[in-house]
Amino acid sequence: MEYLNTLIIIIQIILSCMFAFSASIKLLRTKSMVQHWNDYQYPMWFMNMTALLELARVIGVIAALWVPEILKYAAGLFVLLMIGAIHAHLFRAKHKPVMEINALVILLFSITLMVV
């Protein structure tokens, strides 16, 4: 059972790092992120809102290291975010399905955190 707890913590750290980075490039409006957002045809204010929601989820996942009861809620928000990302890539921007590998891995990690 100890290995499962270790795995959960590793997934929490991975998700926190990935979304902290994702939020930062959105808030800094890097050239590549602005291009993606233009491909999605979403307004730029929505990029800022998404970044702030990502940061809130990062805080939730990190806080869950001390308060495990909130992990399922934070992971559930990640699941919703990844479903939205998959929709944006495939249907709004019409990217190739290979672009979804990262989003699918994060979605699977998030679902894992919800069900353990």
C-alpha atoms as a PDB file:
ATOM      1  CA  MET A   1       0.000   0.000   0.000  1.00  0.00           C
ATOM      2  CA  GLU A   2       2.944   2.305   0.628  1.00  0.00           C
ATOM      3  CA  TYR A   3       3.926   2.180  -3.068  1.00  0.00           C
ATOM      4  CA  LEU A   4       0.439   3.440  -3.979  1.00  0.00           C
ATOM      5  CA  ASN A   5       0.815   6.451  -1.685  1.00  0.00           C
ATOM      6  CA  THR A   6       4.208   7.166  -3.227  1.00  0.00           C
ATOM      7  CA  LEU A   7       2.736   6.912  -6.731  1.00  0.00           C
ATOM      8  CA  ILE A   8      -0.066   9.322  -5.812  1.00  0.00           C
ATOM      9  CA  ILE A   9       2.438  11.852  -4.475  1.00  0.00           C
ATOM     10  CA  ILE A  10       4.565  11.538  -7.619  1.00  0.00           C
ATOM     11  CA  ILE A  11       1.504  12.137  -9.813  1.00  0.00           C
ATOM     12  CA  GLN A  12       0.553  15.152  -7.688  1.00  0.00           C
ATOM     13  CA  ILE A  13       4.019  16.626  -8.129  1.00  0.00           C
ATOM     14  CA  ILE A  14       4.039  15.965 -11.890  1.00  0.00           C
ATOM     15  CA  LEU A  15       0.618  17.589 -12.363  1.00  0.00           C
ATOM     16  CA  SER A  16       1.575  20.545 -10.177  1.00  0.00           C
ATOM     17  CA  CYS A  17       4.762  21.187 -12.152  1.00  0.00           C
ATOM     18  CA  MET A  18       3.089  20.792 -15.529  1.00  0.00           C
ATOM     19  CA  PHE A  19       0.211  23.115 -14.718  1.00  0.00           C
ATOM     20  CA  ALA A  20       2.397  25.678 -12.968  1.00  0.00           C
ATOM     21  CA  PHE A  21       4.426  25.842 -16.182  1.00  0.00           C
ATOM     22  CA  SER A  22       1.293  25.924 -18.333  1.00  0.00           C
ATOM     23  CA  ALA A  23      -0.219  28.726 -16.263  1.00  0.00           C
ATOM     24  CA  SER A  24       3.002  30.738 -16.367  1.00  0.00           C
ATOM     25  CA  ILE A  25       3.319  30.643 -20.167  1.00  0.00           C
ATOM     26  CA  LYS A  26      -0.306  31.688 -20.470  1.00  0.00           C
ATOM     27  CA  LEU A  27       0.100  34.568 -18.025  1.00  0.00           C
ATOM     28  CA  LEU A  28       3.334  35.650 -19.732  1.00  0.00           C
ATOM     29  CA  ARG A  29       1.576  35.397 -23.097  1.00  0.00           C
ATOM     30  CA  THR A  30       4.431  33.601 -24.782  1.00  0.00           C
ATOM     31  CA  LYS A  31       4.433  33.662 -28.559  1.00  0.00           C
ATOM     32  CA  SER A  32       3.607  29.951 -28.856  1.00  0.00           C
ATOM     33  CA  MET A  33       0.730  30.134 -26.375  1.00  0.00           C
ATOM     34  CA  VAL A  34      -0.779  33.183 -28.072  1.00  0.00           C
ATOM     35  CA  GLN A  35      -0.551  31.327 -31.397  1.00  0.00           C
ATOM     36  CA  HIS A  36      -2.305  28.294 -29.897  1.00  0.00           C
ATOM     37  CA  TRP A  37      -4.996  30.515 -28.421  1.00  0.00           C
ATOM     38  CA  ASN A  38      -5.527  32.148 -31.815  1.00  0.00           C
ATOM     39  CA  ASP A  39      -5.819  28.651 -33.338  1.00  0.00           C
ATOM     40  CA  TYR A  40      -8.488  27.792 -30.756  1.00  0.00           C
ATOM     41  CA  GLN A  41     -10.350  31.006 -31.604  1.00  0.00           C
ATOM     42  CA  TYR A  42     -10.849  31.845 -27.943  1.00  0.00           C
ATOM     43  CA  PRO A  43     -10.608  35.424 -26.640  1.00  0.00           C
ATOM     44  CA  MET A  44      -7.349  36.354 -24.900  1.00  0.00           C
ATOM     45  CA  TRP A  45      -9.091  37.097 -21.588  1.00  0.00           C
ATOM     46  CA  PHE A  46     -10.083  33.419 -21.502  1.00  0.00           C
ATOM     47  CA  MET A  47      -6.391  32.496 -21.580  1.00  0.00           C
ATOM     48  CA  ASN A  48      -5.823  34.526 -18.409  1.00  0.00           C
ATOM     49  CA  MET A  49      -8.850  32.978 -16.745  1.00  0.00           C
ATOM     50  CA  THR A  50      -7.669  29.483 -17.705  1.00  0.00           C
ATOM     51  CA  ALA A  51      -4.209  30.228 -16.303  1.00  0.00           C
ATOM     52  CA  LEU A  52      -5.673  31.404 -12.995  1.00  0.00           C
ATOM     53  CA  LEU A  53      -7.847  28.294 -12.787  1.00  0.00           C
ATOM     54  CA  GLU A  54      -4.773  26.167 -13.474  1.00  0.00           C
ATOM     55  CA  LEU A  55      -2.938  27.898 -10.624  1.00  0.00           C
ATOM     56  CA  ALA A  56      -5.893  27.316  -8.311  1.00  0.00           C
ATOM     57  CA  ARG A  57      -5.809  23.624  -9.175  1.00  0.00           C
ATOM     58  CA  VAL A  58      -2.059  23.487  -8.586  1.00  0.00           C
ATOM     59  CA  ILE A  59      -2.596  24.963  -5.136  1.00  0.00           C
ATOM     60  CA  GLY A  60      -5.346  22.414  -4.503  1.00  0.00           C
ATOM     61  CA  VAL A  61      -3.196  19.464  -5.537  1.00  0.00           C
ATOM     62  CA  ILE A  62      -0.268  20.683  -3.438  1.00  0.00           C
ATOM     63  CA  ALA A  63      -2.551  21.365  -0.460  1.00  0.00           C
ATOM     64  CA  ALA A  64      -3.866  17.824  -0.826  1.00  0.00           C
ATOM     65  CA  LEU A  65      -0.441  16.588   0.282  1.00  0.00           C
ATOM     66  CA  TRP A  66      -1.490  17.785   3.766  1.00  0.00           C
ATOM     67  CA  VAL A  67      -5.281  17.601   3.409  1.00  0.00           C
ATOM     68  CA  PRO A  68      -5.904  14.459   1.308  1.00  0.00           C
ATOM     69  CA  GLU A  69      -9.680  14.945   1.277  1.00  0.00           C
ATOM     70  CA  ILE A  70      -9.427  17.761  -1.276  1.00  0.00           C
ATOM     71  CA  LEU A  71      -7.412  15.729  -3.788  1.00  0.00           C
ATOM     72  CA  LYS A  72     -10.470  14.264  -5.523  1.00  0.00           C
ATOM     73  CA  TYR A  73     -11.913  17.746  -6.061  1.00  0.00           C
ATOM     74  CA  ALA A  74      -8.671  19.217  -7.403  1.00  0.00           C
ATOM     75  CA  ALA A  75      -8.180  16.176  -9.656  1.00  0.00           C
ATOM     76  CA  GLY A  76     -11.780  16.492 -10.854  1.00  0.00           C
ATOM     77  CA  LEU A  77     -11.088  20.061 -11.923  1.00  0.00           C
ATOM     78  CA  PHE A  78      -8.010  18.848 -13.808  1.00  0.00           C
ATOM     79  CA  VAL A  79     -10.216  16.281 -15.580  1.00  0.00           C
ATOM     80  CA  LEU A  80     -12.585  19.042 -16.714  1.00  0.00           C
ATOM     81  CA  LEU A  81      -9.673  21.182 -17.847  1.00  0.00           C
ATOM     82  CA  MET A  82      -8.169  18.342 -19.880  1.00  0.00           C
ATOM     83  CA  ILE A  83     -11.486  17.539 -21.543  1.00  0.00           C
ATOM     84  CA  GLY A  84     -11.639  21.195 -22.539  1.00  0.00           C
ATOM     85  CA  ALA A  85      -8.051  21.073 -23.817  1.00  0.00           C
ATOM     86  CA  ILE A  86      -8.746  17.988 -25.898  1.00  0.00           C
ATOM     87  CA  HIS A  87     -11.822  19.678 -27.369  1.00  0.00           C
ATOM     88  CA  ALA A  88      -9.818  22.828 -28.153  1.00  0.00           C
ATOM     89  CA  HIS A  89      -7.046  20.916 -29.899  1.00  0.00           C
ATOM     90  CA  LEU A  90      -9.177  18.519 -31.905  1.00  0.00           C
ATOM     91  CA  PHE A  91     -12.298  20.506 -32.700  1.00  0.00           C
ATOM     92  CA  ARG A  92     -11.457  24.188 -32.393  1.00  0.00           C
ATOM     93  CA  ALA A  93      -7.900  24.177 -33.779  1.00  0.00           C
ATOM     94  CA  LYS A  94      -8.224  20.911 -35.707  1.00  0.00           C
ATOM     95  CA  HIS A  95      -4.740  19.817 -34.638  1.00  0.00           C
ATOM     96  CA  LYS A  96      -3.497  16.336 -35.451  1.00  0.00           C
ATOM     97  CA  PRO A  97      -4.528  13.718 -32.857  1.00  0.00           C
ATOM     98  CA  VAL A  98      -0.866  13.203 -31.906  1.00  0.00           C
ATOM     99  CA  MET A  99      -1.049  16.653 -30.267  1.00  0.00           C
ATOM    100  CA  GLU A 100      -3.414  15.107 -27.731  1.00  0.00           C
ATOM    101  CA  ILE A 101      -0.930  12.656 -26.212  1.00  0.00           C
ATOM    102  CA  ASN A 102       0.118  15.081 -23.481  1.00  0.00           C
ATOM    103  CA  ALA A 103      -3.483  16.005 -22.660  1.00  0.00           C
ATOM    104  CA  LEU A 104      -4.511  12.337 -22.583  1.00  0.00           C
ATOM    105  CA  VAL A 105      -1.666  11.420 -20.208  1.00  0.00           C
ATOM    106  CA  ILE A 106      -2.623  14.272 -17.883  1.00  0.00           C
ATOM    107  CA  LEU A 107      -6.270  13.238 -18.127  1.00  0.00           C
ATOM    108  CA  LEU A 108      -5.352   9.658 -17.136  1.00  0.00           C
ATOM    109  CA  PHE A 109      -3.207  10.920 -14.232  1.00  0.00           C
ATOM    110  CA  SER A 110      -6.096  13.117 -13.068  1.00  0.00           C
ATOM    111  CA  ILE A 111      -8.601  10.274 -13.281  1.00  0.00           C
ATOM    112  CA  THR A 112      -6.184   8.080 -11.332  1.00  0.00           C
ATOM    113  CA  LEU A 113      -6.061  10.656  -8.538  1.00  0.00           C
ATOM    114  CA  MET A 114      -9.846  10.823  -8.474  1.00  0.00           C
ATOM    115  CA  VAL A 115     -10.385   7.083  -8.091  1.00  0.00           C
ATOM    116  CA  VAL A 116      -7.632   6.092  -5.648  1.00  0.00           C
END
